[in-house]
Amino acid sequence: MYSLTQSVDIRGAAGEPIPHPFKGLSQLEVEFRRGEFSLAAAGPGTGKSLFALNLALDGNVPALYFSADSGAATQLSRATAIITGSDVREVKRRLLEDDFEEYAEVLGKRWWVRFVYEARPTLADLEVTLAAYFEVFGCYPHLIVIDNITNVDVGDVGDAESFTFSLEGLCEYLSEMARETGAHCLALHHVTGEHSDGTRPIPLSGVKGKIGRVPSVILTIHKEIDGMDGRLLHISPVKNREGFEDSSGQTYSSYELDRVSMRLVPADASF
């Protein structure tokens, strides 16, 4: 046990925010703090993986991204576009044609951002990979992304009640992982059926499985598409232990998706 003054000495990097490009979220008192676990939930195709990728690449911090939902070609093309500002379609073309040398130097500078592409990682896989990361770099990542939480293999789940219980237990496991490694752990997740089109604000109750107890921060993401194929992502802090929250999802920070570079750029206004 520790006194309050002793707790100052043992906290390590816990509570330290990692850098991110989402300044509107900072204005809403949302930070991604080391030693904590957060959840980002959205409908399919909304852009939650792009949100996580922009977060992982913005500050060039040690990061470990479990990309169960997307393969190497997709993530590499998007990441290269985000880092370099190049057209993602041109990046993908050059990747498929084995003409990728132009990007090698700049990608090499992100040497401690690592991806795992197993489609159904187990808890043992997560632990072994984290141990390997520490062995190679001498530190744990500052950011761990699980994309997405339902792809983690926790054994057979027979019914809806068991599904919710297993997700709750997995959240507790990831929260403990964040605390023990000093990483911020972000898991991506789905929403309930009535919110799956992702075109209107999603409340806390719209998170699939109702797993809102454990995460320190829960964000929901909905989209707005204009007639010219532009897209805005609206990110709502529906739970936030250390700052502003609006469980209705009606308060959000807005970002324009640059469809060329795959970057999320702050929109003119947040609501």
C-alpha atoms as a PDB file:
ATOM      1  CA  MET A   1       0.000   0.000   0.000  1.00  0.00           C
ATOM      2  CA  TYR A   2       1.085   3.571  -0.693  1.00  0.00           C
ATOM      3  CA  SER A   3       0.544   6.964   0.868  1.00  0.00           C
ATOM      4  CA  LEU A   4      -0.562   9.871  -1.295  1.00  0.00           C
ATOM      5  CA  THR A   5       2.986  11.218  -1.427  1.00  0.00           C
ATOM      6  CA  GLN A   6       4.364   7.786  -2.323  1.00  0.00           C
ATOM      7  CA  SER A   7       1.762   7.526  -5.078  1.00  0.00           C
ATOM      8  CA  VAL A   8       3.414  10.500  -6.777  1.00  0.00           C
ATOM      9  CA  ASP A   9       6.635   8.509  -7.129  1.00  0.00           C
ATOM     10  CA  ILE A  10       5.108   5.249  -8.381  1.00  0.00           C
ATOM     11  CA  ARG A  11       2.643   6.585 -10.935  1.00  0.00           C
ATOM     12  CA  GLY A  12       5.228   6.540 -13.752  1.00  0.00           C
ATOM     13  CA  ALA A  13       3.751   7.833 -17.019  1.00  0.00           C
ATOM     14  CA  ALA A  14       0.155   7.123 -15.967  1.00  0.00           C
ATOM     15  CA  GLY A  15      -2.115  10.038 -16.773  1.00  0.00           C
ATOM     16  CA  GLU A  16       0.227  11.538 -19.361  1.00  0.00           C
ATOM     17  CA  PRO A  17      -1.753  12.398 -22.529  1.00  0.00           C
ATOM     18  CA  ILE A  18      -0.399  11.125 -25.812  1.00  0.00           C
ATOM     19  CA  PRO A  19      -0.222  13.692 -28.670  1.00  0.00           C
ATOM     20  CA  HIS A  20      -3.106  13.676 -31.119  1.00  0.00           C
ATOM     21  CA  PRO A  21      -4.452  15.816 -33.977  1.00  0.00           C
ATOM     22  CA  PHE A  22      -8.000  16.184 -32.614  1.00  0.00           C
ATOM     23  CA  LYS A  23      -7.839  19.652 -31.079  1.00  0.00           C
ATOM     24  CA  GLY A  24     -11.602  19.944 -30.914  1.00  0.00           C
ATOM     25  CA  LEU A  25     -11.696  16.922 -28.648  1.00  0.00           C
ATOM     26  CA  SER A  26      -9.117  18.571 -26.400  1.00  0.00           C
ATOM     27  CA  GLN A  27     -11.428  21.591 -26.190  1.00  0.00           C
ATOM     28  CA  LEU A  28     -14.098  19.160 -24.974  1.00  0.00           C
ATOM     29  CA  GLU A  29     -11.601  17.946 -22.331  1.00  0.00           C
ATOM     30  CA  VAL A  30     -11.008  14.604 -24.036  1.00  0.00           C
ATOM     31  CA  GLU A  31      -7.459  13.247 -23.825  1.00  0.00           C
ATOM     32  CA  PHE A  32      -5.961   9.820 -24.481  1.00  0.00           C
ATOM     33  CA  ARG A  33      -4.038   9.268 -21.257  1.00  0.00           C
ATOM     34  CA  ARG A  34      -1.433   6.614 -20.699  1.00  0.00           C
ATOM     35  CA  GLY A  35      -2.488   3.887 -18.296  1.00  0.00           C
ATOM     36  CA  GLU A  36      -6.142   4.228 -19.301  1.00  0.00           C
ATOM     37  CA  PHE A  37      -8.561   2.347 -21.545  1.00  0.00           C
ATOM     38  CA  SER A  38     -10.972   3.970 -24.002  1.00  0.00           C
ATOM     39  CA  LEU A  39     -13.565   2.834 -26.516  1.00  0.00           C
ATOM     40  CA  ALA A  40     -14.552   4.336 -29.883  1.00  0.00           C
ATOM     41  CA  ALA A  41     -17.813   3.012 -31.331  1.00  0.00           C
ATOM     42  CA  ALA A  42     -19.396   3.604 -34.728  1.00  0.00           C
ATOM     43  CA  GLY A  43     -21.381   1.927 -37.464  1.00  0.00           C
ATOM     44  CA  PRO A  44     -19.640  -0.045 -40.220  1.00  0.00           C
ATOM     45  CA  GLY A  45     -17.850   2.102 -42.787  1.00  0.00           C
ATOM     46  CA  THR A  46     -18.138   5.276 -40.740  1.00  0.00           C
ATOM     47  CA  GLY A  47     -14.408   5.822 -40.313  1.00  0.00           C
ATOM     48  CA  LYS A  48     -13.467   4.579 -36.852  1.00  0.00           C
ATOM     49  CA  SER A  49     -10.379   2.769 -38.195  1.00  0.00           C
ATOM     50  CA  LEU A  50      -9.233   5.978 -39.910  1.00  0.00           C
ATOM     51  CA  PHE A  51      -9.745   7.808 -36.627  1.00  0.00           C
ATOM     52  CA  ALA A  52      -7.552   5.259 -34.816  1.00  0.00           C
ATOM     53  CA  LEU A  53      -4.901   5.306 -37.545  1.00  0.00           C
ATOM     54  CA  ASN A  54      -4.671   9.110 -37.490  1.00  0.00           C
ATOM     55  CA  LEU A  55      -4.291   8.908 -33.712  1.00  0.00           C
ATOM     56  CA  ALA A  56      -1.559   6.266 -33.940  1.00  0.00           C
ATOM     57  CA  LEU A  57       0.482   8.127 -36.557  1.00  0.00           C
ATOM     58  CA  ASP A  58       0.150  11.769 -35.551  1.00  0.00           C
ATOM     59  CA  GLY A  59       2.730  11.979 -32.793  1.00  0.00           C
ATOM     60  CA  ASN A  60       5.153   9.244 -33.902  1.00  0.00           C
ATOM     61  CA  VAL A  61       4.968   7.685 -30.435  1.00  0.00           C
ATOM     62  CA  PRO A  62       5.621   3.982 -29.783  1.00  0.00           C
ATOM     63  CA  ALA A  63       2.414   2.296 -30.924  1.00  0.00           C
ATOM     64  CA  LEU A  64       1.111  -1.230 -31.425  1.00  0.00           C
ATOM     65  CA  TYR A  65      -1.914  -1.606 -33.693  1.00  0.00           C
ATOM     66  CA  PHE A  66      -3.814  -4.917 -33.742  1.00  0.00           C
ATOM     67  CA  SER A  67      -5.502  -4.644 -37.142  1.00  0.00           C
ATOM     68  CA  ALA A  68      -7.840  -7.630 -37.164  1.00  0.00           C
ATOM     69  CA  ASP A  69     -10.397  -5.833 -39.314  1.00  0.00           C
ATOM     70  CA  SER A  70      -8.100  -4.656 -42.141  1.00  0.00           C
ATOM     71  CA  GLY A  71      -5.216  -6.305 -43.982  1.00  0.00           C
ATOM     72  CA  ALA A  72      -1.690  -5.074 -44.586  1.00  0.00           C
ATOM     73  CA  ALA A  73      -2.323  -3.562 -48.050  1.00  0.00           C
ATOM     74  CA  THR A  74      -5.184  -1.385 -46.799  1.00  0.00           C
ATOM     75  CA  GLN A  75      -3.428  -0.212 -43.653  1.00  0.00           C
ATOM     76  CA  LEU A  76      -0.099   0.379 -45.398  1.00  0.00           C
ATOM     77  CA  SER A  77      -1.727   2.437 -48.157  1.00  0.00           C
ATOM     78  CA  ARG A  78      -3.710   4.542 -45.697  1.00  0.00           C
ATOM     79  CA  ALA A  79      -0.782   5.010 -43.310  1.00  0.00           C
ATOM     80  CA  THR A  80       1.562   6.054 -46.124  1.00  0.00           C
ATOM     81  CA  ALA A  81      -0.972   8.598 -47.372  1.00  0.00           C
ATOM     82  CA  ILE A  82      -1.499  10.007 -43.863  1.00  0.00           C
ATOM     83  CA  ILE A  83       2.240  10.316 -43.189  1.00  0.00           C
ATOM     84  CA  THR A  84       3.295  11.704 -46.582  1.00  0.00           C
ATOM     85  CA  GLY A  85       0.152  13.523 -47.733  1.00  0.00           C
ATOM     86  CA  SER A  86       0.232  11.519 -50.982  1.00  0.00           C
ATOM     87  CA  ASP A  87      -2.891  10.415 -52.828  1.00  0.00           C
ATOM     88  CA  VAL A  88      -3.946   7.105 -51.281  1.00  0.00           C
ATOM     89  CA  ARG A  89      -4.986   5.754 -54.691  1.00  0.00           C
ATOM     90  CA  GLU A  90      -1.544   6.443 -56.118  1.00  0.00           C
ATOM     91  CA  VAL A  91       0.066   4.886 -53.048  1.00  0.00           C
ATOM     92  CA  LYS A  92      -2.053   1.751 -53.462  1.00  0.00           C
ATOM     93  CA  ARG A  93      -1.216   1.527 -57.167  1.00  0.00           C
ATOM     94  CA  ARG A  94       2.506   1.768 -56.513  1.00  0.00           C
ATOM     95  CA  LEU A  95       2.271  -0.792 -53.730  1.00  0.00           C
ATOM     96  CA  LEU A  96       0.563  -3.312 -56.005  1.00  0.00           C
ATOM     97  CA  GLU A  97       3.117  -2.652 -58.754  1.00  0.00           C
ATOM     98  CA  ASP A  98       6.102  -3.140 -56.379  1.00  0.00           C
ATOM     99  CA  ASP A  99       7.198   0.464 -56.949  1.00  0.00           C
ATOM    100  CA  PHE A 100       7.285   1.558 -53.319  1.00  0.00           C
ATOM    101  CA  GLU A 101      10.894   2.659 -52.825  1.00  0.00           C
ATOM    102  CA  GLU A 102      10.014   6.361 -52.814  1.00  0.00           C
ATOM    103  CA  TYR A 103       8.200   5.934 -49.502  1.00  0.00           C
ATOM    104  CA  ALA A 104      10.749   3.684 -47.800  1.00  0.00           C
ATOM    105  CA  GLU A 105      12.784   6.402 -46.083  1.00  0.00           C
ATOM    106  CA  VAL A 106       9.868   8.263 -44.515  1.00  0.00           C
ATOM    107  CA  LEU A 107       8.154   5.046 -43.417  1.00  0.00           C
ATOM    108  CA  GLY A 108      11.411   3.845 -41.904  1.00  0.00           C
ATOM    109  CA  LYS A 109      11.306   6.768 -39.474  1.00  0.00           C
ATOM    110  CA  ARG A 110       8.153   5.281 -37.938  1.00  0.00           C
ATOM    111  CA  TRP A 111      10.047   2.159 -36.889  1.00  0.00           C
ATOM    112  CA  TRP A 112       8.374   1.812 -33.494  1.00  0.00           C
ATOM    113  CA  VAL A 113       4.835   1.893 -34.898  1.00  0.00           C
ATOM    114  CA  ARG A 114       4.016  -1.789 -35.400  1.00  0.00           C
ATOM    115  CA  PHE A 115       0.998  -3.624 -36.842  1.00  0.00           C
ATOM    116  CA  VAL A 116      -0.362  -7.111 -36.208  1.00  0.00           C
ATOM    117  CA  TYR A 117      -2.744  -8.492 -38.841  1.00  0.00           C
ATOM    118  CA  GLU A 118      -4.113 -11.651 -37.219  1.00  0.00           C
ATOM    119  CA  ALA A 119      -7.844 -11.850 -37.877  1.00  0.00           C
ATOM    120  CA  ARG A 120      -8.706 -13.533 -34.541  1.00  0.00           C
ATOM    121  CA  PRO A 121      -5.989 -12.818 -31.975  1.00  0.00           C
ATOM    122  CA  THR A 122      -6.349 -14.519 -28.607  1.00  0.00           C
ATOM    123  CA  LEU A 123      -5.483 -12.991 -25.261  1.00  0.00           C
ATOM    124  CA  ALA A 124      -2.304 -15.049 -25.347  1.00  0.00           C
ATOM    125  CA  ASP A 125      -1.457 -13.514 -28.738  1.00  0.00           C
ATOM    126  CA  LEU A 126      -1.870 -10.024 -27.285  1.00  0.00           C
ATOM    127  CA  GLU A 127       0.391 -10.833 -24.354  1.00  0.00           C
ATOM    128  CA  VAL A 128       3.104 -12.500 -26.440  1.00  0.00           C
ATOM    129  CA  THR A 129       3.146  -9.589 -28.897  1.00  0.00           C
ATOM    130  CA  LEU A 130       3.430  -7.043 -26.086  1.00  0.00           C
ATOM    131  CA  ALA A 131       6.288  -9.033 -24.553  1.00  0.00           C
ATOM    132  CA  ALA A 132       8.026  -9.147 -27.944  1.00  0.00           C
ATOM    133  CA  TYR A 133       7.570  -5.382 -28.380  1.00  0.00           C
ATOM    134  CA  PHE A 134       9.186  -4.767 -24.999  1.00  0.00           C
ATOM    135  CA  GLU A 135      12.038  -7.161 -25.817  1.00  0.00           C
ATOM    136  CA  VAL A 136      12.795  -5.370 -29.105  1.00  0.00           C
ATOM    137  CA  PHE A 137      12.391  -1.725 -28.041  1.00  0.00           C
ATOM    138  CA  GLY A 138      13.023  -1.817 -24.296  1.00  0.00           C
ATOM    139  CA  CYS A 139       9.681  -0.181 -23.542  1.00  0.00           C
ATOM    140  CA  TYR A 140       6.006  -0.860 -23.927  1.00  0.00           C
ATOM    141  CA  PRO A 141       4.060   1.086 -26.553  1.00  0.00           C
ATOM    142  CA  HIS A 142       2.503   4.359 -25.474  1.00  0.00           C
ATOM    143  CA  LEU A 143      -0.591   3.486 -27.510  1.00  0.00           C
ATOM    144  CA  ILE A 144      -2.249   0.117 -28.137  1.00  0.00           C
ATOM    145  CA  VAL A 145      -5.131  -0.066 -30.640  1.00  0.00           C
ATOM    146  CA  ILE A 146      -7.498  -3.056 -30.809  1.00  0.00           C
ATOM    147  CA  ASP A 147      -9.347  -2.908 -34.150  1.00  0.00           C
ATOM    148  CA  ASN A 148     -11.792  -4.161 -33.214  1.00  0.00           C
ATOM    149  CA  ILE A 149     -12.705  -5.589 -29.822  1.00  0.00           C
ATOM    150  CA  THR A 150     -15.141  -8.217 -31.117  1.00  0.00           C
ATOM    151  CA  ASN A 151     -12.359  -9.762 -33.235  1.00  0.00           C
ATOM    152  CA  VAL A 152     -10.455 -10.809 -30.113  1.00  0.00           C
ATOM    153  CA  ASP A 153     -10.980 -14.525 -29.541  1.00  0.00           C
ATOM    154  CA  VAL A 154     -12.142 -15.065 -25.961  1.00  0.00           C
ATOM    155  CA  GLY A 155     -13.623 -18.532 -26.581  1.00  0.00           C
ATOM    156  CA  ASP A 156     -17.125 -19.716 -27.399  1.00  0.00           C
ATOM    157  CA  VAL A 157     -19.970 -17.286 -26.712  1.00  0.00           C
ATOM    158  CA  GLY A 158     -23.325 -19.016 -26.851  1.00  0.00           C
ATOM    159  CA  ASP A 159     -25.920 -16.262 -26.422  1.00  0.00           C
ATOM    160  CA  ALA A 160     -26.399 -12.506 -26.115  1.00  0.00           C
ATOM    161  CA  GLU A 161     -25.921 -12.515 -22.335  1.00  0.00           C
ATOM    162  CA  SER A 162     -22.664 -14.439 -22.654  1.00  0.00           C
ATOM    163  CA  PHE A 163     -21.566 -12.066 -25.429  1.00  0.00           C
ATOM    164  CA  THR A 164     -22.080  -9.032 -23.202  1.00  0.00           C
ATOM    165  CA  PHE A 165     -20.367 -10.722 -20.262  1.00  0.00           C
ATOM    166  CA  SER A 166     -17.363 -11.678 -22.392  1.00  0.00           C
ATOM    167  CA  LEU A 167     -17.044  -8.121 -23.732  1.00  0.00           C
ATOM    168  CA  GLU A 168     -17.235  -6.725 -20.198  1.00  0.00           C
ATOM    169  CA  GLY A 169     -14.502  -9.108 -19.099  1.00  0.00           C
ATOM    170  CA  LEU A 170     -12.377  -8.209 -22.119  1.00  0.00           C
ATOM    171  CA  CYS A 171     -12.747  -4.513 -21.286  1.00  0.00           C
ATOM    172  CA  GLU A 172     -11.503  -5.226 -17.772  1.00  0.00           C
ATOM    173  CA  TYR A 173      -8.566  -7.172 -19.219  1.00  0.00           C
ATOM    174  CA  LEU A 174      -7.629  -4.321 -21.593  1.00  0.00           C
ATOM    175  CA  SER A 175      -7.989  -1.776 -18.799  1.00  0.00           C
ATOM    176  CA  GLU A 176      -5.586  -3.813 -16.678  1.00  0.00           C
ATOM    177  CA  MET A 177      -3.232  -4.126 -19.655  1.00  0.00           C
ATOM    178  CA  ALA A 178      -3.211  -0.339 -20.022  1.00  0.00           C
ATOM    179  CA  ARG A 179      -2.472   0.148 -16.342  1.00  0.00           C
ATOM    180  CA  GLU A 180       0.308  -2.450 -16.202  1.00  0.00           C
ATOM    181  CA  THR A 181       2.085  -1.316 -19.398  1.00  0.00           C
ATOM    182  CA  GLY A 182       1.530   2.427 -19.049  1.00  0.00           C
ATOM    183  CA  ALA A 183      -0.037   2.501 -22.521  1.00  0.00           C
ATOM    184  CA  HIS A 184      -3.253   4.108 -23.577  1.00  0.00           C
ATOM    185  CA  CYS A 185      -5.372   1.258 -24.911  1.00  0.00           C
ATOM    186  CA  LEU A 186      -8.031   2.203 -27.471  1.00  0.00           C
ATOM    187  CA  ALA A 187     -10.513  -0.446 -28.606  1.00  0.00           C
ATOM    188  CA  LEU A 188     -12.822   0.038 -31.571  1.00  0.00           C
ATOM    189  CA  HIS A 189     -16.337  -1.327 -31.330  1.00  0.00           C
ATOM    190  CA  HIS A 190     -19.725  -1.518 -33.037  1.00  0.00           C
ATOM    191  CA  VAL A 191     -23.061   0.109 -32.220  1.00  0.00           C
ATOM    192  CA  THR A 192     -26.580  -1.257 -31.944  1.00  0.00           C
ATOM    193  CA  GLY A 193     -28.633  -1.874 -35.062  1.00  0.00           C
ATOM    194  CA  GLU A 194     -30.707   1.305 -35.001  1.00  0.00           C
ATOM    195  CA  HIS A 195     -27.493   3.353 -35.115  1.00  0.00           C
ATOM    196  CA  SER A 196     -25.577   1.227 -37.625  1.00  0.00           C
ATOM    197  CA  ASP A 197     -26.146   3.618 -40.557  1.00  0.00           C
ATOM    198  CA  GLY A 198     -24.015   6.139 -38.642  1.00  0.00           C
ATOM    199  CA  THR A 199     -25.819   9.234 -39.924  1.00  0.00           C
ATOM    200  CA  ARG A 200     -27.015  10.738 -36.640  1.00  0.00           C
ATOM    201  CA  PRO A 201     -25.513  11.240 -33.167  1.00  0.00           C
ATOM    202  CA  ILE A 202     -25.061   8.006 -31.229  1.00  0.00           C
ATOM    203  CA  PRO A 203     -25.750   8.054 -27.475  1.00  0.00           C
ATOM    204  CA  LEU A 204     -23.954   6.025 -24.840  1.00  0.00           C
ATOM    205  CA  SER A 205     -26.844   3.563 -24.905  1.00  0.00           C
ATOM    206  CA  GLY A 206     -26.105   2.913 -28.593  1.00  0.00           C
ATOM    207  CA  VAL A 207     -22.804   1.146 -27.839  1.00  0.00           C
ATOM    208  CA  LYS A 208     -23.263  -2.544 -28.616  1.00  0.00           C
ATOM    209  CA  GLY A 209     -23.363  -4.761 -25.563  1.00  0.00           C
ATOM    210  CA  LYS A 210     -23.872  -1.796 -23.208  1.00  0.00           C
ATOM    211  CA  ILE A 211     -20.250  -2.068 -22.058  1.00  0.00           C
ATOM    212  CA  GLY A 212     -19.930   1.437 -20.665  1.00  0.00           C
ATOM    213  CA  ARG A 213     -18.759   0.669 -17.137  1.00  0.00           C
ATOM    214  CA  VAL A 214     -15.022   0.059 -17.595  1.00  0.00           C
ATOM    215  CA  PRO A 215     -13.629   2.543 -20.190  1.00  0.00           C
ATOM    216  CA  SER A 216     -12.468   5.906 -18.892  1.00  0.00           C
ATOM    217  CA  VAL A 217     -13.497   7.513 -22.197  1.00  0.00           C
ATOM    218  CA  ILE A 218     -16.128   6.405 -24.698  1.00  0.00           C
ATOM    219  CA  LEU A 219     -16.459   8.163 -28.037  1.00  0.00           C
ATOM    220  CA  THR A 220     -19.164   7.575 -30.608  1.00  0.00           C
ATOM    221  CA  ILE A 221     -18.668   8.589 -34.229  1.00  0.00           C
ATOM    222  CA  HIS A 222     -21.266   9.451 -36.831  1.00  0.00           C
ATOM    223  CA  LYS A 223     -20.825  10.785 -40.343  1.00  0.00           C
ATOM    224  CA  GLU A 224     -22.208  13.487 -42.588  1.00  0.00           C
ATOM    225  CA  ILE A 225     -21.908  13.150 -46.356  1.00  0.00           C
ATOM    226  CA  ASP A 226     -22.534  15.989 -48.791  1.00  0.00           C
ATOM    227  CA  GLY A 227     -23.537  15.778 -52.446  1.00  0.00           C
ATOM    228  CA  MET A 228     -19.932  16.122 -53.644  1.00  0.00           C
ATOM    229  CA  ASP A 229     -18.793  12.942 -51.853  1.00  0.00           C
ATOM    230  CA  GLY A 230     -17.288  14.939 -48.996  1.00  0.00           C
ATOM    231  CA  ARG A 231     -17.422  13.452 -45.534  1.00  0.00           C
ATOM    232  CA  LEU A 232     -17.420  14.863 -42.032  1.00  0.00           C
ATOM    233  CA  LEU A 233     -16.834  12.716 -38.984  1.00  0.00           C
ATOM    234  CA  HIS A 234     -18.521  13.932 -35.822  1.00  0.00           C
ATOM    235  CA  ILE A 235     -16.952  12.552 -32.633  1.00  0.00           C
ATOM    236  CA  SER A 236     -19.045  12.642 -29.451  1.00  0.00           C
ATOM    237  CA  PRO A 237     -17.643  12.177 -25.921  1.00  0.00           C
ATOM    238  CA  VAL A 238     -20.494  10.170 -24.382  1.00  0.00           C
ATOM    239  CA  LYS A 239     -18.403   9.190 -21.351  1.00  0.00           C
ATOM    240  CA  ASN A 240     -15.381  10.991 -19.945  1.00  0.00           C
ATOM    241  CA  ARG A 241     -14.197  10.446 -16.384  1.00  0.00           C
ATOM    242  CA  GLU A 242     -11.869  13.442 -16.401  1.00  0.00           C
ATOM    243  CA  GLY A 243     -13.787  16.021 -18.384  1.00  0.00           C
ATOM    244  CA  PHE A 244     -16.858  17.008 -20.331  1.00  0.00           C
ATOM    245  CA  GLU A 245     -19.326  14.354 -21.411  1.00  0.00           C
ATOM    246  CA  ASP A 246     -22.738  14.280 -23.039  1.00  0.00           C
ATOM    247  CA  SER A 247     -24.253  10.816 -22.957  1.00  0.00           C
ATOM    248  CA  SER A 248     -26.828  11.818 -25.593  1.00  0.00           C
ATOM    249  CA  GLY A 249     -24.087  12.152 -28.242  1.00  0.00           C
ATOM    250  CA  GLN A 250     -25.483  15.515 -29.303  1.00  0.00           C
ATOM    251  CA  THR A 251     -22.256  17.382 -28.455  1.00  0.00           C
ATOM    252  CA  TYR A 252     -19.433  16.564 -30.813  1.00  0.00           C
ATOM    253  CA  SER A 253     -16.211  17.697 -32.437  1.00  0.00           C
ATOM    254  CA  SER A 254     -16.155  17.652 -36.243  1.00  0.00           C
ATOM    255  CA  TYR A 255     -13.441  16.633 -38.708  1.00  0.00           C
ATOM    256  CA  GLU A 256     -13.351  16.626 -42.471  1.00  0.00           C
ATOM    257  CA  LEU A 257     -11.972  13.514 -44.132  1.00  0.00           C
ATOM    258  CA  ASP A 258      -9.416  14.446 -46.776  1.00  0.00           C
ATOM    259  CA  ARG A 259     -10.154  11.607 -49.193  1.00  0.00           C
ATOM    260  CA  VAL A 260      -6.757  12.087 -50.876  1.00  0.00           C
ATOM    261  CA  SER A 261      -4.464  11.856 -47.842  1.00  0.00           C
ATOM    262  CA  MET A 262      -6.865  10.024 -45.470  1.00  0.00           C
ATOM    263  CA  ARG A 263      -6.151  12.690 -42.859  1.00  0.00           C
ATOM    264  CA  LEU A 264      -8.866  13.991 -40.552  1.00  0.00           C
ATOM    265  CA  VAL A 265      -8.779  17.776 -40.642  1.00  0.00           C
ATOM    266  CA  PRO A 266     -10.633  19.921 -38.067  1.00  0.00           C
ATOM    267  CA  ALA A 267     -13.825  21.316 -39.543  1.00  0.00           C
ATOM    268  CA  ASP A 268     -14.810  24.950 -39.105  1.00  0.00           C
ATOM    269  CA  ALA A 269     -17.052  24.328 -36.122  1.00  0.00           C
ATOM    270  CA  SER A 270     -17.758  21.901 -33.306  1.00  0.00           C
ATOM    271  CA  PHE A 271     -21.272  21.699 -31.831  1.00  0.00           C
END
